Amino acid sequence: MNLDQSILGTIKQMLGLTNELTAFDEELIVHINSVFTILNQLDVGSDDGFMITGYDETWGDLTDQVTIATMVKEFIYLKVRMIFDPPASSVVSEAYNQRIAELEWRMNIQAERLAALAEKEAAG
């Protein structure tokens, strides 16, 4: 995963939108930032929270942990997709919701592992 990619640009691409199509940017930014609030409550990312304002913010601005960034990318995509362009099929919606729940659990476990590792290293 390239941590230098724009968060907004990546999510737009995953939704099938081009960067040239800017009509939905403000709406997408609101949805993405809403998901960052959820991630903050899951202890993923910085303690101060994280928000985007446009194309400048990258995955590397959020974290230097590729494992976390990969899960966060999929989580944000699925959450935004369910709000912005929900699937017509209830089966697909349920599959997305199950994947979202699994990612929440896995990110929480990974965040706990990283916190424990940092605490262990600080204790020396």
PDB file of N, CA and C in Angstrom:
ATOM      1  N   MET A   1       0.847  -1.181   0.000  1.00  0.00           N
ATOM      2  CA  MET A   1       0.000   0.000   0.000  1.00  0.00           C
ATOM      3  C   MET A   1       0.890   1.240   0.000  1.00  0.00           C
ATOM      4  N   ASN A   2       0.566   2.197  -0.831  1.00  0.00           N
ATOM      5  CA  ASN A   2       1.311   3.447  -0.917  1.00  0.00           C
ATOM      6  C   ASN A   2       0.738   4.447   0.091  1.00  0.00           C
ATOM      7  N   LEU A   3       1.497   4.748   1.118  1.00  0.00           N
ATOM      8  CA  LEU A   3       1.032   5.671   2.160  1.00  0.00           C
ATOM      9  C   LEU A   3       1.029   7.124   1.692  1.00  0.00           C
ATOM     10  N   ASP A   4       1.592   7.401   0.505  1.00  0.00           N
ATOM     11  CA  ASP A   4       1.637   8.766  -0.017  1.00  0.00           C
ATOM     12  C   ASP A   4       0.403   9.134  -0.836  1.00  0.00           C
ATOM     13  N   GLN A   5      -0.525   8.199  -0.995  1.00  0.00           N
ATOM     14  CA  GLN A   5      -1.734   8.470  -1.775  1.00  0.00           C
ATOM     15  C   GLN A   5      -2.705   9.339  -0.986  1.00  0.00           C
ATOM     16  N   SER A   6      -3.407  10.191  -1.691  1.00  0.00           N
ATOM     17  CA  SER A   6      -4.444  11.032  -1.102  1.00  0.00           C
ATOM     18  C   SER A   6      -5.580  10.159  -0.574  1.00  0.00           C
ATOM     19  N   ILE A   7      -6.029  10.439   0.640  1.00  0.00           N
ATOM     20  CA  ILE A   7      -7.143   9.683   1.219  1.00  0.00           C
ATOM     21  C   ILE A   7      -8.407   9.917   0.397  1.00  0.00           C
ATOM     22  N   LEU A   8      -8.738  11.178   0.139  1.00  0.00           N
ATOM     23  CA  LEU A   8      -9.936  11.488  -0.636  1.00  0.00           C
ATOM     24  C   LEU A   8      -9.850  10.875  -2.027  1.00  0.00           C
ATOM     25  N   GLY A   9      -8.701  11.026  -2.689  1.00  0.00           N
ATOM     26  CA  GLY A   9      -8.532  10.475  -4.032  1.00  0.00           C
ATOM     27  C   GLY A   9      -8.673   8.956  -4.056  1.00  0.00           C
ATOM     28  N   THR A  10      -8.127   8.287  -3.054  1.00  0.00           N
ATOM     29  CA  THR A  10      -8.217   6.835  -2.978  1.00  0.00           C
ATOM     30  C   THR A  10      -9.656   6.373  -2.800  1.00  0.00           C
ATOM     31  N   ILE A  11     -10.365   6.999  -1.875  1.00  0.00           N
ATOM     32  CA  ILE A  11     -11.754   6.606  -1.609  1.00  0.00           C
ATOM     33  C   ILE A  11     -12.619   6.892  -2.845  1.00  0.00           C
ATOM     34  N   LYS A  12     -12.397   8.028  -3.494  1.00  0.00           N
ATOM     35  CA  LYS A  12     -13.143   8.330  -4.718  1.00  0.00           C
ATOM     36  C   LYS A  12     -12.887   7.268  -5.774  1.00  0.00           C
ATOM     37  N   GLN A  13     -11.636   6.876  -5.940  1.00  0.00           N
ATOM     38  CA  GLN A  13     -11.291   5.857  -6.928  1.00  0.00           C
ATOM     39  C   GLN A  13     -11.985   4.536  -6.587  1.00  0.00           C
ATOM     40  N   MET A  14     -11.986   4.155  -5.318  1.00  0.00           N
ATOM     41  CA  MET A  14     -12.629   2.906  -4.905  1.00  0.00           C
ATOM     42  C   MET A  14     -14.142   2.954  -5.136  1.00  0.00           C
ATOM     43  N   LEU A  15     -14.715   4.164  -5.073  1.00  0.00           N
ATOM     44  CA  LEU A  15     -16.146   4.339  -5.329  1.00  0.00           C
ATOM     45  C   LEU A  15     -16.460   4.437  -6.817  1.00  0.00           C
ATOM     46  N   GLY A  16     -15.411   4.438  -7.655  1.00  0.00           N
ATOM     47  CA  GLY A  16     -15.609   4.517  -9.097  1.00  0.00           C
ATOM     48  C   GLY A  16     -15.715   5.938  -9.613  1.00  0.00           C
ATOM     49  N   LEU A  17     -15.243   6.908  -8.813  1.00  0.00           N
ATOM     50  CA  LEU A  17     -15.290   8.323  -9.210  1.00  0.00           C
ATOM     51  C   LEU A  17     -13.888   8.790  -9.585  1.00  0.00           C
ATOM     52  N   THR A  18     -13.800   9.689 -10.547  1.00  0.00           N
ATOM     53  CA  THR A  18     -12.511  10.257 -10.917  1.00  0.00           C
ATOM     54  C   THR A  18     -12.241  11.513 -10.085  1.00  0.00           C
ATOM     55  N   ASN A  19     -10.988  11.884  -9.990  1.00  0.00           N
ATOM     56  CA  ASN A  19     -10.625  13.107  -9.261  1.00  0.00           C
ATOM     57  C   ASN A  19     -11.183  14.350  -9.948  1.00  0.00           C
ATOM     58  N   GLU A  20     -11.410  14.262 -11.245  1.00  0.00           N
ATOM     59  CA  GLU A  20     -11.937  15.403 -11.990  1.00  0.00           C
ATOM     60  C   GLU A  20     -13.395  15.691 -11.619  1.00  0.00           C
ATOM     61  N   LEU A  21     -14.116  14.694 -11.188  1.00  0.00           N
ATOM     62  CA  LEU A  21     -15.512  14.856 -10.774  1.00  0.00           C
ATOM     63  C   LEU A  21     -15.516  15.335  -9.318  1.00  0.00           C
ATOM     64  N   THR A  22     -15.695  16.638  -9.138  1.00  0.00           N
ATOM     65  CA  THR A  22     -15.591  17.225  -7.794  1.00  0.00           C
ATOM     66  C   THR A  22     -16.946  17.551  -7.170  1.00  0.00           C
ATOM     67  N   ALA A  23     -18.031  17.259  -7.858  1.00  0.00           N
ATOM     68  CA  ALA A  23     -19.366  17.617  -7.371  1.00  0.00           C
ATOM     69  C   ALA A  23     -19.689  16.978  -6.021  1.00  0.00           C
ATOM     70  N   PHE A  24     -19.106  15.831  -5.739  1.00  0.00           N
ATOM     71  CA  PHE A  24     -19.411  15.112  -4.504  1.00  0.00           C
ATOM     72  C   PHE A  24     -18.326  15.234  -3.442  1.00  0.00           C
ATOM     73  N   ASP A  25     -17.281  16.012  -3.703  1.00  0.00           N
ATOM     74  CA  ASP A  25     -16.147  16.080  -2.781  1.00  0.00           C
ATOM     75  C   ASP A  25     -16.545  16.493  -1.373  1.00  0.00           C
ATOM     76  N   GLU A  26     -17.335  17.548  -1.235  1.00  0.00           N
ATOM     77  CA  GLU A  26     -17.718  18.007   0.102  1.00  0.00           C
ATOM     78  C   GLU A  26     -18.496  16.948   0.862  1.00  0.00           C
ATOM     79  N   GLU A  27     -19.417  16.292   0.172  1.00  0.00           N
ATOM     80  CA  GLU A  27     -20.201  15.221   0.800  1.00  0.00           C
ATOM     81  C   GLU A  27     -19.294  14.065   1.221  1.00  0.00           C
ATOM     82  N   LEU A  28     -18.370  13.688   0.349  1.00  0.00           N
ATOM     83  CA  LEU A  28     -17.454  12.600   0.673  1.00  0.00           C
ATOM     84  C   LEU A  28     -16.541  12.964   1.832  1.00  0.00           C
ATOM     85  N   ILE A  29     -16.069  14.198   1.868  1.00  0.00           N
ATOM     86  CA  ILE A  29     -15.211  14.646   2.974  1.00  0.00           C
ATOM     87  C   ILE A  29     -15.956  14.537   4.302  1.00  0.00           C
ATOM     88  N   VAL A  30     -17.215  14.937   4.331  1.00  0.00           N
ATOM     89  CA  VAL A  30     -18.018  14.830   5.554  1.00  0.00           C
ATOM     90  C   VAL A  30     -18.131  13.366   5.982  1.00  0.00           C
ATOM     91  N   HIS A  31     -18.428  12.484   5.032  1.00  0.00           N
ATOM     92  CA  HIS A  31     -18.569  11.063   5.362  1.00  0.00           C
ATOM     93  C   HIS A  31     -17.245  10.459   5.831  1.00  0.00           C
ATOM     94  N   ILE A  32     -16.167  10.788   5.138  1.00  0.00           N
ATOM     95  CA  ILE A  32     -14.845  10.279   5.516  1.00  0.00           C
ATOM     96  C   ILE A  32     -14.487  10.755   6.920  1.00  0.00           C
ATOM     97  N   ASN A  33     -14.705  12.025   7.204  1.00  0.00           N
ATOM     98  CA  ASN A  33     -14.386  12.551   8.530  1.00  0.00           C
ATOM     99  C   ASN A  33     -15.254  11.926   9.617  1.00  0.00           C
ATOM    100  N   SER A  34     -16.487  11.607   9.280  1.00  0.00           N
ATOM    101  CA  SER A  34     -17.357  10.905  10.221  1.00  0.00           C
ATOM    102  C   SER A  34     -16.774   9.531  10.566  1.00  0.00           C
ATOM    103  N   VAL A  35     -16.231   8.854   9.568  1.00  0.00           N
ATOM    104  CA  VAL A  35     -15.614   7.545   9.811  1.00  0.00           C
ATOM    105  C   VAL A  35     -14.337   7.707  10.632  1.00  0.00           C
ATOM    106  N   PHE A  36     -13.591   8.788  10.407  1.00  0.00           N
ATOM    107  CA  PHE A  36     -12.404   9.021  11.233  1.00  0.00           C
ATOM    108  C   PHE A  36     -12.781   9.207  12.702  1.00  0.00           C
ATOM    109  N   THR A  37     -13.947   9.785  12.968  1.00  0.00           N
ATOM    110  CA  THR A  37     -14.424   9.913  14.342  1.00  0.00           C
ATOM    111  C   THR A  37     -14.675   8.535  14.947  1.00  0.00           C
ATOM    112  N   ILE A  38     -15.273   7.656  14.176  1.00  0.00           N
ATOM    113  CA  ILE A  38     -15.495   6.279  14.637  1.00  0.00           C
ATOM    114  C   ILE A  38     -14.154   5.604  14.915  1.00  0.00           C
ATOM    115  N   LEU A  39     -13.200   5.779  14.012  1.00  0.00           N
ATOM    116  CA  LEU A  39     -11.878   5.181  14.193  1.00  0.00           C
ATOM    117  C   LEU A  39     -11.209   5.714  15.469  1.00  0.00           C
ATOM    118  N   ASN A  40     -11.357   6.991  15.735  1.00  0.00           N
ATOM    119  CA  ASN A  40     -10.791   7.569  16.950  1.00  0.00           C
ATOM    120  C   ASN A  40     -11.399   6.915  18.187  1.00  0.00           C
ATOM    121  N   GLN A  41     -12.693   6.651  18.148  1.00  0.00           N
ATOM    122  CA  GLN A  41     -13.360   5.987  19.272  1.00  0.00           C
ATOM    123  C   GLN A  41     -12.896   4.544  19.428  1.00  0.00           C
ATOM    124  N   LEU A  42     -12.387   3.957  18.357  1.00  0.00           N
ATOM    125  CA  LEU A  42     -11.828   2.603  18.400  1.00  0.00           C
ATOM    126  C   LEU A  42     -10.346   2.617  18.774  1.00  0.00           C
ATOM    127  N   ASP A  43      -9.803   3.804  19.093  1.00  0.00           N
ATOM    128  CA  ASP A  43      -8.383   3.987  19.414  1.00  0.00           C
ATOM    129  C   ASP A  43      -7.466   3.682  18.239  1.00  0.00           C
ATOM    130  N   VAL A  44      -7.951   3.957  17.038  1.00  0.00           N
ATOM    131  CA  VAL A  44      -7.141   3.797  15.840  1.00  0.00           C
ATOM    132  C   VAL A  44      -6.775   5.189  15.346  1.00  0.00           C
ATOM    133  N   GLY A  45      -5.482   5.414  15.150  1.00  0.00           N
ATOM    134  CA  GLY A  45      -5.028   6.734  14.724  1.00  0.00           C
ATOM    135  C   GLY A  45      -4.527   7.540  15.908  1.00  0.00           C
ATOM    136  N   SER A  46      -4.452   8.839  15.728  1.00  0.00           N
ATOM    137  CA  SER A  46      -3.900   9.702  16.779  1.00  0.00           C
ATOM    138  C   SER A  46      -4.930   9.955  17.870  1.00  0.00           C
ATOM    139  N   ASP A  47      -4.443  10.294  19.040  1.00  0.00           N
ATOM    140  CA  ASP A  47      -5.324  10.596  20.173  1.00  0.00           C
ATOM    141  C   ASP A  47      -6.162  11.838  19.921  1.00  0.00           C
ATOM    142  N   ASP A  48      -5.634  12.748  19.112  1.00  0.00           N
ATOM    143  CA  ASP A  48      -6.329  14.005  18.828  1.00  0.00           C
ATOM    144  C   ASP A  48      -7.369  13.872  17.726  1.00  0.00           C
ATOM    145  N   GLY A  49      -7.458  12.708  17.114  1.00  0.00           N
ATOM    146  CA  GLY A  49      -8.359  12.529  15.990  1.00  0.00           C
ATOM    147  C   GLY A  49      -7.680  12.928  14.696  1.00  0.00           C
ATOM    148  N   PHE A  50      -8.365  12.746  13.611  1.00  0.00           N
ATOM    149  CA  PHE A  50      -7.808  13.039  12.299  1.00  0.00           C
ATOM    150  C   PHE A  50      -8.942  13.455  11.391  1.00  0.00           C
ATOM    151  N   MET A  51      -8.718  14.447  10.575  1.00  0.00           N
ATOM    152  CA  MET A  51      -9.714  14.932   9.621  1.00  0.00           C
ATOM    153  C   MET A  51      -9.017  15.272   8.314  1.00  0.00           C
ATOM    154  N   ILE A  52      -9.785  15.206   7.230  1.00  0.00           N
ATOM    155  CA  ILE A  52      -9.256  15.655   5.948  1.00  0.00           C
ATOM    156  C   ILE A  52     -10.035  16.899   5.521  1.00  0.00           C
ATOM    157  N   THR A  53      -9.386  17.705   4.688  1.00  0.00           N
ATOM    158  CA  THR A  53     -10.036  18.905   4.161  1.00  0.00           C
ATOM    159  C   THR A  53     -10.100  18.874   2.634  1.00  0.00           C
ATOM    160  N   GLY A  54      -9.376  17.928   2.035  1.00  0.00           N
ATOM    161  CA  GLY A  54      -9.341  17.825   0.581  1.00  0.00           C
ATOM    162  C   GLY A  54      -8.380  16.732   0.166  1.00  0.00           C
ATOM    163  N   TYR A  55      -7.644  16.982  -0.909  1.00  0.00           N
ATOM    164  CA  TYR A  55      -6.750  15.972  -1.480  1.00  0.00           C
ATOM    165  C   TYR A  55      -5.374  15.928  -0.834  1.00  0.00           C
ATOM    166  N   ASP A  56      -5.048  16.870   0.030  1.00  0.00           N
ATOM    167  CA  ASP A  56      -3.693  16.957   0.565  1.00  0.00           C
ATOM    168  C   ASP A  56      -3.347  15.882   1.584  1.00  0.00           C
ATOM    169  N   GLU A  57      -4.323  15.428   2.356  1.00  0.00           N
ATOM    170  CA  GLU A  57      -4.039  14.468   3.414  1.00  0.00           C
ATOM    171  C   GLU A  57      -3.851  13.068   2.830  1.00  0.00           C
ATOM    172  N   THR A  58      -2.792  12.399   3.297  1.00  0.00           N
ATOM    173  CA  THR A  58      -2.452  11.070   2.789  1.00  0.00           C
ATOM    174  C   THR A  58      -2.595  10.033   3.898  1.00  0.00           C
ATOM    175  N   TRP A  59      -2.539   8.773   3.494  1.00  0.00           N
ATOM    176  CA  TRP A  59      -2.599   7.677   4.467  1.00  0.00           C
ATOM    177  C   TRP A  59      -1.417   7.753   5.422  1.00  0.00           C
ATOM    178  N   GLY A  60      -0.274   8.201   4.936  1.00  0.00           N
ATOM    179  CA  GLY A  60       0.911   8.353   5.779  1.00  0.00           C
ATOM    180  C   GLY A  60       0.753   9.436   6.831  1.00  0.00           C
ATOM    181  N   ASP A  61      -0.099  10.432   6.568  1.00  0.00           N
ATOM    182  CA  ASP A  61      -0.380  11.452   7.585  1.00  0.00           C
ATOM    183  C   ASP A  61      -1.151  10.845   8.752  1.00  0.00           C
ATOM    184  N   LEU A  62      -1.917   9.822   8.463  1.00  0.00           N
ATOM    185  CA  LEU A  62      -2.721   9.154   9.488  1.00  0.00           C
ATOM    186  C   LEU A  62      -1.875   8.211  10.329  1.00  0.00           C
ATOM    187  N   THR A  63      -1.069   7.387   9.679  1.00  0.00           N
ATOM    188  CA  THR A  63      -0.270   6.386  10.384  1.00  0.00           C
ATOM    189  C   THR A  63       0.904   5.956   9.528  1.00  0.00           C
ATOM    190  N   ASP A  64       1.944   5.471  10.190  1.00  0.00           N
ATOM    191  CA  ASP A  64       3.067   4.892   9.453  1.00  0.00           C
ATOM    192  C   ASP A  64       2.996   3.364   9.483  1.00  0.00           C
ATOM    193  N   GLN A  65       1.943   2.839  10.081  1.00  0.00           N
ATOM    194  CA  GLN A  65       1.727   1.392  10.173  1.00  0.00           C
ATOM    195  C   GLN A  65       0.916   0.916   8.962  1.00  0.00           C
ATOM    196  N   VAL A  66       1.554   0.197   8.056  1.00  0.00           N
ATOM    197  CA  VAL A  66       0.886  -0.252   6.835  1.00  0.00           C
ATOM    198  C   VAL A  66      -0.289  -1.170   7.158  1.00  0.00           C
ATOM    199  N   THR A  67      -0.139  -2.008   8.181  1.00  0.00           N
ATOM    200  CA  THR A  67      -1.243  -2.922   8.542  1.00  0.00           C
ATOM    201  C   THR A  67      -2.485  -2.155   8.929  1.00  0.00           C
ATOM    202  N   ILE A  68      -2.308  -1.137   9.761  1.00  0.00           N
ATOM    203  CA  ILE A  68      -3.439  -0.309  10.193  1.00  0.00           C
ATOM    204  C   ILE A  68      -3.998   0.452   8.991  1.00  0.00           C
ATOM    205  N   ALA A  69      -3.123   1.055   8.198  1.00  0.00           N
ATOM    206  CA  ALA A  69      -3.567   1.857   7.060  1.00  0.00           C
ATOM    207  C   ALA A  69      -4.374   1.018   6.073  1.00  0.00           C
ATOM    208  N   THR A  70      -3.970  -0.215   5.856  1.00  0.00           N
ATOM    209  CA  THR A  70      -4.691  -1.083   4.927  1.00  0.00           C
ATOM    210  C   THR A  70      -6.100  -1.372   5.434  1.00  0.00           C
ATOM    211  N   MET A  71      -6.220  -1.677   6.719  1.00  0.00           N
ATOM    212  CA  MET A  71      -7.546  -1.943   7.284  1.00  0.00           C
ATOM    213  C   MET A  71      -8.397  -0.680   7.317  1.00  0.00           C
ATOM    214  N   VAL A  72      -7.782   0.450   7.659  1.00  0.00           N
ATOM    215  CA  VAL A  72      -8.505   1.723   7.718  1.00  0.00           C
ATOM    216  C   VAL A  72      -9.040   2.089   6.336  1.00  0.00           C
ATOM    217  N   LYS A  73      -8.225   1.885   5.312  1.00  0.00           N
ATOM    218  CA  LYS A  73      -8.633   2.196   3.937  1.00  0.00           C
ATOM    219  C   LYS A  73      -9.891   1.415   3.562  1.00  0.00           C
ATOM    220  N   GLU A  74      -9.890   0.114   3.819  1.00  0.00           N
ATOM    221  CA  GLU A  74     -11.056  -0.704   3.491  1.00  0.00           C
ATOM    222  C   GLU A  74     -12.255  -0.311   4.352  1.00  0.00           C
ATOM    223  N   PHE A  75     -12.013  -0.050   5.635  1.00  0.00           N
ATOM    224  CA  PHE A  75     -13.084   0.332   6.555  1.00  0.00           C
ATOM    225  C   PHE A  75     -13.753   1.630   6.102  1.00  0.00           C
ATOM    226  N   ILE A  76     -12.936   2.637   5.778  1.00  0.00           N
ATOM    227  CA  ILE A  76     -13.490   3.921   5.333  1.00  0.00           C
ATOM    228  C   ILE A  76     -14.274   3.732   4.036  1.00  0.00           C
ATOM    229  N   TYR A  77     -13.701   2.982   3.104  1.00  0.00           N
ATOM    230  CA  TYR A  77     -14.399   2.741   1.845  1.00  0.00           C
ATOM    231  C   TYR A  77     -15.768   2.113   2.092  1.00  0.00           C
ATOM    232  N   LEU A  78     -15.805   1.045   2.874  1.00  0.00           N
ATOM    233  CA  LEU A  78     -17.072   0.338   3.098  1.00  0.00           C
ATOM    234  C   LEU A  78     -18.091   1.212   3.823  1.00  0.00           C
ATOM    235  N   LYS A  79     -17.644   1.951   4.841  1.00  0.00           N
ATOM    236  CA  LYS A  79     -18.567   2.816   5.582  1.00  0.00           C
ATOM    237  C   LYS A  79     -19.108   3.927   4.678  1.00  0.00           C
ATOM    238  N   VAL A  80     -18.229   4.557   3.905  1.00  0.00           N
ATOM    239  CA  VAL A  80     -18.662   5.626   3.001  1.00  0.00           C
ATOM    240  C   VAL A  80     -19.557   5.048   1.910  1.00  0.00           C
ATOM    241  N   ARG A  81     -19.204   3.900   1.391  1.00  0.00           N
ATOM    242  CA  ARG A  81     -20.026   3.255   0.357  1.00  0.00           C
ATOM    243  C   ARG A  81     -21.443   3.006   0.863  1.00  0.00           C
ATOM    244  N   MET A  82     -21.570   2.522   2.089  1.00  0.00           N
ATOM    245  CA  MET A  82     -22.881   2.212   2.655  1.00  0.00           C
ATOM    246  C   MET A  82     -23.731   3.472   2.833  1.00  0.00           C
ATOM    247  N   ILE A  83     -23.096   4.623   2.993  1.00  0.00           N
ATOM    248  CA  ILE A  83     -23.829   5.884   3.138  1.00  0.00           C
ATOM    249  C   ILE A  83     -24.043   6.553   1.779  1.00  0.00           C
ATOM    250  N   PHE A  84     -22.972   6.654   1.006  1.00  0.00           N
ATOM    251  CA  PHE A  84     -22.971   7.417  -0.241  1.00  0.00           C
ATOM    252  C   PHE A  84     -23.645   6.676  -1.393  1.00  0.00           C
ATOM    253  N   ASP A  85     -23.373   5.393  -1.513  1.00  0.00           N
ATOM    254  CA  ASP A  85     -23.877   4.602  -2.638  1.00  0.00           C
ATOM    255  C   ASP A  85     -24.153   3.175  -2.174  1.00  0.00           C
ATOM    256  N   PRO A  86     -25.192   2.998  -1.343  1.00  0.00           N
ATOM    257  CA  PRO A  86     -25.437   1.660  -0.784  1.00  0.00           C
ATOM    258  C   PRO A  86     -25.813   0.651  -1.867  1.00  0.00           C
ATOM    259  N   PRO A  87     -25.412  -0.607  -1.670  1.00  0.00           N
ATOM    260  CA  PRO A  87     -25.750  -1.639  -2.651  1.00  0.00           C
ATOM    261  C   PRO A  87     -27.261  -1.867  -2.693  1.00  0.00           C
ATOM    262  N   ALA A  88     -27.758  -2.201  -3.849  1.00  0.00           N
ATOM    263  CA  ALA A  88     -29.197  -2.466  -4.009  1.00  0.00           C
ATOM    264  C   ALA A  88     -29.583  -3.804  -3.379  1.00  0.00           C
ATOM    265  N   SER A  89     -28.645  -4.719  -3.337  1.00  0.00           N
ATOM    266  CA  SER A  89     -28.910  -6.052  -2.816  1.00  0.00           C
ATOM    267  C   SER A  89     -28.728  -6.099  -1.300  1.00  0.00           C
ATOM    268  N   SER A  90     -29.699  -6.645  -0.609  1.00  0.00           N
ATOM    269  CA  SER A  90     -29.581  -6.779   0.852  1.00  0.00           C
ATOM    270  C   SER A  90     -28.501  -7.793   1.222  1.00  0.00           C
ATOM    271  N   VAL A  91     -28.249  -8.743   0.342  1.00  0.00           N
ATOM    272  CA  VAL A  91     -27.195  -9.733   0.591  1.00  0.00           C
ATOM    273  C   VAL A  91     -25.824  -9.049   0.577  1.00  0.00           C
ATOM    274  N   VAL A  92     -25.606  -8.178  -0.392  1.00  0.00           N
ATOM    275  CA  VAL A  92     -24.344  -7.445  -0.481  1.00  0.00           C
ATOM    276  C   VAL A  92     -24.219  -6.495   0.708  1.00  0.00           C
ATOM    277  N   SER A  93     -25.295  -5.826   1.067  1.00  0.00           N
ATOM    278  CA  SER A  93     -25.279  -4.933   2.229  1.00  0.00           C
ATOM    279  C   SER A  93     -24.891  -5.687   3.490  1.00  0.00           C
ATOM    280  N   GLU A  94     -25.450  -6.846   3.670  1.00  0.00           N
ATOM    281  CA  GLU A  94     -25.135  -7.655   4.849  1.00  0.00           C
ATOM    282  C   GLU A  94     -23.677  -8.097   4.830  1.00  0.00           C
ATOM    283  N   ALA A  95     -23.176  -8.477   3.662  1.00  0.00           N
ATOM    284  CA  ALA A  95     -21.766  -8.855   3.548  1.00  0.00           C
ATOM    285  C   ALA A  95     -20.862  -7.675   3.904  1.00  0.00           C
ATOM    286  N   TYR A  96     -21.199  -6.488   3.413  1.00  0.00           N
ATOM    287  CA  TYR A  96     -20.422  -5.288   3.750  1.00  0.00           C
ATOM    288  C   TYR A  96     -20.458  -5.033   5.249  1.00  0.00           C
ATOM    289  N   ASN A  97     -21.636  -5.125   5.841  1.00  0.00           N
ATOM    290  CA  ASN A  97     -21.759  -4.873   7.283  1.00  0.00           C
ATOM    291  C   ASN A  97     -20.981  -5.893   8.107  1.00  0.00           C
ATOM    292  N   GLN A  98     -20.958  -7.137   7.669  1.00  0.00           N
ATOM    293  CA  GLN A  98     -20.166  -8.148   8.371  1.00  0.00           C
ATOM    294  C   GLN A  98     -18.678  -7.848   8.257  1.00  0.00           C
ATOM    295  N   ARG A  99     -18.253  -7.413   7.092  1.00  0.00           N
ATOM    296  CA  ARG A  99     -16.838  -7.066   6.903  1.00  0.00           C
ATOM    297  C   ARG A  99     -16.478  -5.841   7.742  1.00  0.00           C
ATOM    298  N   ILE A 100     -17.367  -4.865   7.812  1.00  0.00           N
ATOM    299  CA  ILE A 100     -17.136  -3.677   8.646  1.00  0.00           C
ATOM    300  C   ILE A 100     -16.950  -4.086  10.103  1.00  0.00           C
ATOM    301  N   ALA A 101     -17.815  -4.966  10.600  1.00  0.00           N
ATOM    302  CA  ALA A 101     -17.720  -5.428  11.987  1.00  0.00           C
ATOM    303  C   ALA A 101     -16.407  -6.171  12.227  1.00  0.00           C
ATOM    304  N   GLU A 102     -16.009  -7.005  11.257  1.00  0.00           N
ATOM    305  CA  GLU A 102     -14.743  -7.726  11.403  1.00  0.00           C
ATOM    306  C   GLU A 102     -13.564  -6.761  11.420  1.00  0.00           C
ATOM    307  N   LEU A 103     -13.579  -5.771  10.541  1.00  0.00           N
ATOM    308  CA  LEU A 103     -12.490  -4.792  10.505  1.00  0.00           C
ATOM    309  C   LEU A 103     -12.424  -3.998  11.803  1.00  0.00           C
ATOM    310  N   GLU A 104     -13.578  -3.616  12.363  1.00  0.00           N
ATOM    311  CA  GLU A 104     -13.588  -2.913  13.647  1.00  0.00           C
ATOM    312  C   GLU A 104     -12.872  -3.745  14.703  1.00  0.00           C
ATOM    313  N   TRP A 105     -13.205  -5.022  14.759  1.00  0.00           N
ATOM    314  CA  TRP A 105     -12.599  -5.915  15.746  1.00  0.00           C
ATOM    315  C   TRP A 105     -11.096  -6.044  15.512  1.00  0.00           C
ATOM    316  N   ARG A 106     -10.716  -6.280  14.259  1.00  0.00           N
ATOM    317  CA  ARG A 106      -9.296  -6.470  13.943  1.00  0.00           C
ATOM    318  C   ARG A 106      -8.472  -5.198  14.191  1.00  0.00           C
ATOM    319  N   MET A 107      -9.022  -4.038  13.844  1.00  0.00           N
ATOM    320  CA  MET A 107      -8.290  -2.785  14.095  1.00  0.00           C
ATOM    321  C   MET A 107      -8.141  -2.538  15.581  1.00  0.00           C
ATOM    322  N   ASN A 108      -9.164  -2.868  16.349  1.00  0.00           N
ATOM    323  CA  ASN A 108      -9.101  -2.704  17.794  1.00  0.00           C
ATOM    324  C   ASN A 108      -8.015  -3.601  18.387  1.00  0.00           C
ATOM    325  N   ILE A 109      -7.955  -4.848  17.946  1.00  0.00           N
ATOM    326  CA  ILE A 109      -6.918  -5.781  18.404  1.00  0.00           C
ATOM    327  C   ILE A 109      -5.532  -5.259  18.032  1.00  0.00           C
ATOM    328  N   GLN A 110      -5.376  -4.801  16.792  1.00  0.00           N
ATOM    329  CA  GLN A 110      -4.081  -4.290  16.333  1.00  0.00           C
ATOM    330  C   GLN A 110      -3.676  -3.043  17.120  1.00  0.00           C
ATOM    331  N   ALA A 111      -4.624  -2.154  17.384  1.00  0.00           N
ATOM    332  CA  ALA A 111      -4.324  -0.949  18.163  1.00  0.00           C
ATOM    333  C   ALA A 111      -3.889  -1.320  19.576  1.00  0.00           C
ATOM    334  N   GLU A 112      -4.535  -2.310  20.168  1.00  0.00           N
ATOM    335  CA  GLU A 112      -4.145  -2.770  21.510  1.00  0.00           C
ATOM    336  C   GLU A 112      -2.743  -3.359  21.486  1.00  0.00           C
ATOM    337  N   ARG A 113      -2.427  -4.136  20.462  1.00  0.00           N
ATOM    338  CA  ARG A 113      -1.074  -4.720  20.336  1.00  0.00           C
ATOM    339  C   ARG A 113      -0.016  -3.630  20.207  1.00  0.00           C
ATOM    340  N   LEU A 114      -0.275  -2.641  19.363  1.00  0.00           N
ATOM    341  CA  LEU A 114       0.687  -1.565  19.176  1.00  0.00           C
ATOM    342  C   LEU A 114       0.868  -0.751  20.444  1.00  0.00           C
ATOM    343  N   ALA A 115      -0.229  -0.510  21.184  1.00  0.00           N
ATOM    344  CA  ALA A 115      -0.139   0.226  22.445  1.00  0.00           C
ATOM    345  C   ALA A 115       0.666  -0.561  23.475  1.00  0.00           C
ATOM    346  N   ALA A 116       0.441  -1.855  23.545  1.00  0.00           N
ATOM    347  CA  ALA A 116       1.183  -2.689  24.495  1.00  0.00           C
ATOM    348  C   ALA A 116       2.665  -2.730  24.133  1.00  0.00           C
ATOM    349  N   LEU A 117       2.970  -2.795  22.851  1.00  0.00           N
ATOM    350  CA  LEU A 117       4.349  -2.796  22.387  1.00  0.00           C
ATOM    351  C   LEU A 117       5.035  -1.477  22.730  1.00  0.00           C
ATOM    352  N   ALA A 118       4.349  -0.371  22.488  1.00  0.00           N
ATOM    353  CA  ALA A 118       4.905   0.950  22.798  1.00  0.00           C
ATOM    354  C   ALA A 118       5.133   1.086  24.311  1.00  0.00           C
ATOM    355  N   GLU A 119       4.205   0.573  25.105  1.00  0.00           N
ATOM    356  CA  GLU A 119       4.346   0.647  26.563  1.00  0.00           C
ATOM    357  C   GLU A 119       5.535  -0.196  27.028  1.00  0.00           C
ATOM    358  N   LYS A 120       5.707  -1.371  26.419  1.00  0.00           N
ATOM    359  CA  LYS A 120       6.815  -2.242  26.753  1.00  0.00           C
ATOM    360  C   LYS A 120       8.152  -1.598  26.399  1.00  0.00           C
ATOM    361  N   GLU A 121       8.204  -0.969  25.219  1.00  0.00           N
ATOM    362  CA  GLU A 121       9.439  -0.296  24.792  1.00  0.00           C
ATOM    363  C   GLU A 121       9.749   0.892  25.670  1.00  0.00           C
ATOM    364  N   ALA A 122       8.716   1.626  26.110  1.00  0.00           N
ATOM    365  CA  ALA A 122       8.921   2.778  26.986  1.00  0.00           C
ATOM    366  C   ALA A 122       9.430   2.354  28.362  1.00  0.00           C
ATOM    367  N   ALA A 123       9.000   1.178  28.810  1.00  0.00           N
ATOM    368  CA  ALA A 123       9.438   0.678  30.111  1.00  0.00           C
ATOM    369  C   ALA A 123      10.871   0.176  30.057  1.00  0.00           C
ATOM    370  N   GLY A 124      11.323  -0.083  28.828  1.00  0.00           N
ATOM    371  CA  GLY A 124      12.712  -0.439  28.610  1.00  0.00           C
ATOM    372  C   GLY A 124      13.059  -1.816  28.969  1.00  0.00           C
TER     373      GLY A 124
END
